[in-house]
Amino acid sequence: MGKGDKKTKRGKIANNSYGARRPKKIKRKLTVEEKIKVGKKK
């Protein structure tokens, strides 16, 4: 378990790759306030 292990986060960083352990972008859910703002456009 280290830099040579492709399944760990440290291994992904060492291998310059992405995956389940090291996602490229974090998906964030919209809050209720943001949903209301999107619906009302004046």
N, C-alpha and C. Protein backbone atom coordinates (compact mmCIF):
# COMPACT_ATOMS: atom_id res chain seq x y z
N MET A 1 0.85 -1.18 0.00
CA MET A 1 0.00 0.00 0.00
C MET A 1 0.89 1.24 0.00
N GLY A 2 0.99 1.85 -1.14
CA GLY A 2 1.81 3.04 -1.22
C GLY A 2 1.76 3.63 -2.61
N LYS A 3 2.86 4.20 -3.02
CA LYS A 3 2.94 4.88 -4.32
C LYS A 3 2.78 3.92 -5.49
N GLY A 4 3.12 2.65 -5.31
CA GLY A 4 3.02 1.67 -6.39
C GLY A 4 1.63 1.07 -6.53
N ASP A 5 0.80 1.25 -5.50
CA ASP A 5 -0.54 0.66 -5.51
C ASP A 5 -1.50 1.56 -6.28
N LYS A 6 -2.00 1.10 -7.41
CA LYS A 6 -2.85 1.90 -8.28
C LYS A 6 -4.23 2.15 -7.71
N LYS A 7 -4.63 1.36 -6.71
CA LYS A 7 -5.97 1.48 -6.15
C LYS A 7 -6.07 2.51 -5.02
N THR A 8 -4.93 3.00 -4.53
CA THR A 8 -4.98 3.96 -3.43
C THR A 8 -4.84 5.39 -3.95
N LYS A 9 -5.24 6.33 -3.12
CA LYS A 9 -5.15 7.74 -3.50
C LYS A 9 -3.71 8.16 -3.77
N ARG A 10 -2.81 7.69 -2.93
CA ARG A 10 -1.39 8.02 -3.08
C ARG A 10 -0.84 7.44 -4.39
N GLY A 11 -1.29 6.24 -4.74
CA GLY A 11 -0.87 5.61 -5.98
C GLY A 11 -1.41 6.35 -7.20
N LYS A 12 -2.63 6.86 -7.09
CA LYS A 12 -3.24 7.64 -8.18
C LYS A 12 -2.44 8.93 -8.39
N ILE A 13 -2.06 9.58 -7.30
CA ILE A 13 -1.28 10.82 -7.40
C ILE A 13 0.08 10.53 -8.03
N ALA A 14 0.73 9.45 -7.62
CA ALA A 14 2.04 9.09 -8.15
C ALA A 14 1.96 8.71 -9.63
N ASN A 15 0.83 8.10 -10.03
CA ASN A 15 0.64 7.64 -11.41
C ASN A 15 0.00 8.71 -12.30
N ASN A 16 -0.33 9.86 -11.72
CA ASN A 16 -1.01 10.96 -12.42
C ASN A 16 -2.31 10.49 -13.08
N SER A 17 -3.13 9.75 -12.32
CA SER A 17 -4.41 9.28 -12.84
C SER A 17 -5.51 9.59 -11.83
N TYR A 18 -6.74 9.43 -12.30
CA TYR A 18 -7.90 9.69 -11.47
C TYR A 18 -8.79 8.45 -11.42
N GLY A 19 -9.69 8.42 -10.45
CA GLY A 19 -10.59 7.28 -10.31
C GLY A 19 -11.51 7.49 -9.12
N ALA A 20 -12.06 6.40 -8.59
CA ALA A 20 -13.00 6.48 -7.48
C ALA A 20 -12.33 7.04 -6.23
N ARG A 21 -11.07 6.69 -6.00
CA ARG A 21 -10.35 7.15 -4.80
C ARG A 21 -9.86 8.58 -4.96
N ARG A 22 -9.73 9.04 -6.21
CA ARG A 22 -9.23 10.39 -6.48
C ARG A 22 -10.03 11.01 -7.62
N PRO A 23 -11.24 11.49 -7.31
CA PRO A 23 -12.07 12.07 -8.37
C PRO A 23 -11.53 13.40 -8.85
N LYS A 24 -11.80 13.74 -10.11
CA LYS A 24 -11.33 15.00 -10.68
C LYS A 24 -12.10 16.18 -10.12
N LYS A 25 -13.42 16.03 -10.05
CA LYS A 25 -14.26 17.13 -9.61
C LYS A 25 -15.26 16.62 -8.59
N ILE A 26 -15.48 17.39 -7.55
CA ILE A 26 -16.45 17.02 -6.53
C ILE A 26 -17.81 17.56 -6.95
N LYS A 27 -18.80 16.67 -7.09
CA LYS A 27 -20.14 17.10 -7.45
C LYS A 27 -20.85 17.54 -6.18
N ARG A 28 -21.43 18.74 -6.24
CA ARG A 28 -22.09 19.30 -5.07
C ARG A 28 -23.57 19.44 -5.37
N LYS A 29 -24.42 19.01 -4.44
CA LYS A 29 -25.86 19.14 -4.61
C LYS A 29 -26.27 20.58 -4.40
N LEU A 30 -27.28 21.03 -5.17
CA LEU A 30 -27.80 22.38 -5.00
C LEU A 30 -28.60 22.46 -3.71
N THR A 31 -28.48 23.61 -3.03
CA THR A 31 -29.26 23.82 -1.81
C THR A 31 -30.65 24.30 -2.20
N VAL A 32 -31.55 24.32 -1.25
CA VAL A 32 -32.93 24.76 -1.49
C VAL A 32 -32.95 26.21 -1.95
N GLU A 33 -32.11 27.04 -1.35
CA GLU A 33 -32.06 28.46 -1.71
C GLU A 33 -31.61 28.64 -3.16
N GLU A 34 -30.62 27.85 -3.59
CA GLU A 34 -30.12 27.93 -4.96
C GLU A 34 -31.18 27.46 -5.95
N LYS A 35 -31.95 26.45 -5.60
CA LYS A 35 -33.01 25.96 -6.48
C LYS A 35 -34.10 27.03 -6.65
N ILE A 36 -34.41 27.74 -5.57
CA ILE A 36 -35.42 28.79 -5.63
C ILE A 36 -34.93 29.95 -6.51
N LYS A 37 -33.65 30.31 -6.37
CA LYS A 37 -33.07 31.40 -7.17
C LYS A 37 -33.05 31.05 -8.65
N VAL A 38 -32.80 29.79 -8.99
CA VAL A 38 -32.77 29.35 -10.38
C VAL A 38 -34.17 29.46 -10.97
N GLY A 39 -35.18 29.13 -10.22
CA GLY A 39 -36.57 29.15 -10.69
C GLY A 39 -37.09 30.55 -10.95
N LYS A 40 -36.69 31.51 -10.11
CA LYS A 40 -37.17 32.90 -10.24
C LYS A 40 -36.14 33.75 -10.97
N LYS A 41 -36.49 34.11 -12.20
CA LYS A 41 -35.63 35.01 -12.96
C LYS A 41 -36.45 36.22 -13.36
N LYS A 42 -36.03 37.39 -12.89
CA LYS A 42 -36.76 38.63 -13.20
C LYS A 42 -35.84 39.61 -13.88
